Amino acid sequence: MKPIFLLTISNIFMTIAWYGHLRFKNTALWKVIIISWMIAFVEYCFQVPANRLGHATFSAAQLKTMQEIITLAMFIVFSVVYLKEEMKWNYLVGFGFIILAAFFVFKEW
């Protein structure tokens, strides 16, 4: 459970670093790059331990799949709440297929 918690915290920072600047289009690009890198540093401080601890229980492919699912969940909330973007049905279907992919990654065959 600890790796999942750390991945969630990591992805909150990652989403802010990658997409938070979209509301500040008048800010110089070099400034948002520097700010994004500073936020991304915090993200790495959670991501690296999550993968290190998680690899004791999960494969690298499983860790990456977890990260992508968590990223999608964070992104959906962020884009609707912070960016005020509409969540369209086709986005949800596409995200659903990615979540379905997790079934194949985690299923013991």
C-alpha atoms as a PDB file:
ATOM      1  CA  MET A   1       0.000   0.000   0.000  1.00  0.00           C
ATOM      2  CA  LYS A   2       2.864   2.400   0.694  1.00  0.00           C
ATOM      3  CA  PRO A   3       4.006   2.421  -2.966  1.00  0.00           C
ATOM      4  CA  ILE A   4       0.460   3.254  -4.087  1.00  0.00           C
ATOM      5  CA  PHE A   5       0.287   6.128  -1.597  1.00  0.00           C
ATOM      6  CA  LEU A   6       3.681   7.449  -2.730  1.00  0.00           C
ATOM      7  CA  LEU A   7       2.704   7.114  -6.403  1.00  0.00           C
ATOM      8  CA  THR A   8      -0.474   9.073  -5.713  1.00  0.00           C
ATOM      9  CA  ILE A   9       1.419  11.918  -4.027  1.00  0.00           C
ATOM     10  CA  SER A  10       3.984  11.836  -6.831  1.00  0.00           C
ATOM     11  CA  ASN A  11       1.290  12.097  -9.482  1.00  0.00           C
ATOM     12  CA  ILE A  12      -0.369  15.059  -7.823  1.00  0.00           C
ATOM     13  CA  PHE A  13       2.912  16.976  -8.160  1.00  0.00           C
ATOM     14  CA  MET A  14       3.523  15.619 -11.661  1.00  0.00           C
ATOM     15  CA  THR A  15       0.122  16.755 -12.899  1.00  0.00           C
ATOM     16  CA  ILE A  16       0.647  20.218 -11.441  1.00  0.00           C
ATOM     17  CA  ALA A  17       4.137  20.436 -12.979  1.00  0.00           C
ATOM     18  CA  TRP A  18       2.999  19.309 -16.430  1.00  0.00           C
ATOM     19  CA  TYR A  19      -0.363  21.047 -16.716  1.00  0.00           C
ATOM     20  CA  GLY A  20      -0.645  23.722 -14.019  1.00  0.00           C
ATOM     21  CA  HIS A  21       0.972  26.382 -16.168  1.00  0.00           C
ATOM     22  CA  LEU A  22      -1.793  26.144 -18.771  1.00  0.00           C
ATOM     23  CA  ARG A  23      -3.803  28.704 -16.801  1.00  0.00           C
ATOM     24  CA  PHE A  24      -0.870  31.150 -16.961  1.00  0.00           C
ATOM     25  CA  LYS A  25      -0.372  31.535 -20.708  1.00  0.00           C
ATOM     26  CA  ASN A  26       0.866  35.130 -20.337  1.00  0.00           C
ATOM     27  CA  THR A  27       3.764  34.065 -18.110  1.00  0.00           C
ATOM     28  CA  ALA A  28       7.083  33.727 -19.914  1.00  0.00           C
ATOM     29  CA  LEU A  29       7.796  30.178 -21.024  1.00  0.00           C
ATOM     30  CA  TRP A  30      11.214  30.116 -19.362  1.00  0.00           C
ATOM     31  CA  LYS A  31       9.578  30.940 -16.022  1.00  0.00           C
ATOM     32  CA  VAL A  32       7.006  28.160 -16.233  1.00  0.00           C
ATOM     33  CA  ILE A  33       9.730  25.710 -17.267  1.00  0.00           C
ATOM     34  CA  ILE A  34      11.790  26.546 -14.176  1.00  0.00           C
ATOM     35  CA  ILE A  35       8.756  26.421 -11.880  1.00  0.00           C
ATOM     36  CA  SER A  36       7.641  23.134 -13.449  1.00  0.00           C
ATOM     37  CA  TRP A  37      11.094  21.629 -12.894  1.00  0.00           C
ATOM     38  CA  MET A  38      11.029  22.690  -9.254  1.00  0.00           C
ATOM     39  CA  ILE A  39       7.638  21.008  -8.814  1.00  0.00           C
ATOM     40  CA  ALA A  40       8.857  17.949 -10.724  1.00  0.00           C
ATOM     41  CA  PHE A  41      11.757  17.620  -8.273  1.00  0.00           C
ATOM     42  CA  VAL A  42       9.238  17.122  -5.471  1.00  0.00           C
ATOM     43  CA  GLU A  43       7.440  14.589  -7.662  1.00  0.00           C
ATOM     44  CA  TYR A  44      10.676  12.618  -8.065  1.00  0.00           C
ATOM     45  CA  CYS A  45      11.179  12.631  -4.292  1.00  0.00           C
ATOM     46  CA  PHE A  46       8.024  10.491  -4.061  1.00  0.00           C
ATOM     47  CA  GLN A  47       8.264   8.597  -7.377  1.00  0.00           C
ATOM     48  CA  VAL A  48      11.714   7.112  -6.859  1.00  0.00           C
ATOM     49  CA  PRO A  49      10.972   5.702  -3.367  1.00  0.00           C
ATOM     50  CA  ALA A  50       7.605   4.415  -4.593  1.00  0.00           C
ATOM     51  CA  ASN A  51       9.301   2.429  -7.335  1.00  0.00           C
ATOM     52  CA  ARG A  52      12.134   1.276  -5.081  1.00  0.00           C
ATOM     53  CA  LEU A  53       9.755   0.032  -2.374  1.00  0.00           C
ATOM     54  CA  GLY A  54       7.171  -1.214  -4.830  1.00  0.00           C
ATOM     55  CA  HIS A  55       9.619  -3.324  -6.803  1.00  0.00           C
ATOM     56  CA  ALA A  56       9.921  -5.631  -3.803  1.00  0.00           C
ATOM     57  CA  THR A  57       6.295  -6.676  -4.430  1.00  0.00           C
ATOM     58  CA  PHE A  58       5.455  -5.675  -8.003  1.00  0.00           C
ATOM     59  CA  SER A  59       7.189  -6.014 -11.346  1.00  0.00           C
ATOM     60  CA  ALA A  60       8.372  -2.872 -13.129  1.00  0.00           C
ATOM     61  CA  ALA A  61       5.523  -3.306 -15.644  1.00  0.00           C
ATOM     62  CA  GLN A  62       2.998  -3.469 -12.820  1.00  0.00           C
ATOM     63  CA  LEU A  63       4.459  -0.365 -11.166  1.00  0.00           C
ATOM     64  CA  LYS A  64       4.293   1.529 -14.461  1.00  0.00           C
ATOM     65  CA  THR A  65       0.705   0.417 -15.003  1.00  0.00           C
ATOM     66  CA  MET A  66      -0.258   1.572 -11.499  1.00  0.00           C
ATOM     67  CA  GLN A  67       1.408   4.903 -12.151  1.00  0.00           C
ATOM     68  CA  GLU A  68      -0.516   5.390 -15.412  1.00  0.00           C
ATOM     69  CA  ILE A  69      -3.872   4.561 -13.803  1.00  0.00           C
ATOM     70  CA  ILE A  70      -3.171   6.925 -10.901  1.00  0.00           C
ATOM     71  CA  THR A  71      -2.029   9.577 -13.391  1.00  0.00           C
ATOM     72  CA  LEU A  72      -5.290   9.297 -15.311  1.00  0.00           C
ATOM     73  CA  ALA A  73      -7.340   9.593 -12.134  1.00  0.00           C
ATOM     74  CA  MET A  74      -5.380  12.672 -11.038  1.00  0.00           C
ATOM     75  CA  PHE A  75      -5.587  14.175 -14.520  1.00  0.00           C
ATOM     76  CA  ILE A  76      -9.364  13.761 -14.758  1.00  0.00           C
ATOM     77  CA  VAL A  77      -9.884  15.594 -11.470  1.00  0.00           C
ATOM     78  CA  PHE A  78      -7.282  18.257 -12.311  1.00  0.00           C
ATOM     79  CA  SER A  79      -8.582  18.991 -15.803  1.00  0.00           C
ATOM     80  CA  VAL A  80     -12.201  19.292 -14.659  1.00  0.00           C
ATOM     81  CA  VAL A  81     -11.617  21.151 -11.376  1.00  0.00           C
ATOM     82  CA  TYR A  82      -8.541  23.292 -12.082  1.00  0.00           C
ATOM     83  CA  LEU A  83      -8.549  23.746 -15.859  1.00  0.00           C
ATOM     84  CA  LYS A  84     -12.357  23.828 -16.046  1.00  0.00           C
ATOM     85  CA  GLU A  85     -12.359  21.486 -19.043  1.00  0.00           C
ATOM     86  CA  GLU A  86     -15.257  19.277 -19.953  1.00  0.00           C
ATOM     87  CA  MET A  87     -14.821  15.535 -19.513  1.00  0.00           C
ATOM     88  CA  LYS A  88     -16.176  14.065 -22.739  1.00  0.00           C
ATOM     89  CA  TRP A  89     -17.543  10.555 -23.070  1.00  0.00           C
ATOM     90  CA  ASN A  90     -14.864   9.519 -25.559  1.00  0.00           C
ATOM     91  CA  TYR A  91     -12.122  10.549 -23.107  1.00  0.00           C
ATOM     92  CA  LEU A  92     -13.683   8.299 -20.491  1.00  0.00           C
ATOM     93  CA  VAL A  93     -13.946   5.405 -22.950  1.00  0.00           C
ATOM     94  CA  GLY A  94     -10.282   5.823 -23.893  1.00  0.00           C
ATOM     95  CA  PHE A  95      -9.232   6.008 -20.253  1.00  0.00           C
ATOM     96  CA  GLY A  96     -11.392   2.967 -19.581  1.00  0.00           C
ATOM     97  CA  PHE A  97      -9.456   0.966 -22.160  1.00  0.00           C
ATOM     98  CA  ILE A  98      -6.219   1.920 -20.436  1.00  0.00           C
ATOM     99  CA  ILE A  99      -7.665   0.752 -17.129  1.00  0.00           C
ATOM    100  CA  LEU A 100      -8.781  -2.465 -18.838  1.00  0.00           C
ATOM    101  CA  ALA A 101      -5.166  -2.938 -19.912  1.00  0.00           C
ATOM    102  CA  ALA A 102      -4.253  -3.067 -16.214  1.00  0.00           C
ATOM    103  CA  PHE A 103      -6.342  -6.230 -15.928  1.00  0.00           C
ATOM    104  CA  PHE A 104      -4.031  -7.961 -18.409  1.00  0.00           C
ATOM    105  CA  VAL A 105      -0.888  -6.692 -16.696  1.00  0.00           C
ATOM    106  CA  PHE A 106      -1.948  -7.830 -13.210  1.00  0.00           C
ATOM    107  CA  LYS A 107      -3.778 -11.056 -14.144  1.00  0.00           C
ATOM    108  CA  GLU A 108      -1.857 -14.208 -13.342  1.00  0.00           C
ATOM    109  CA  TRP A 109      -2.048 -16.281 -16.514  1.00  0.00           C
END
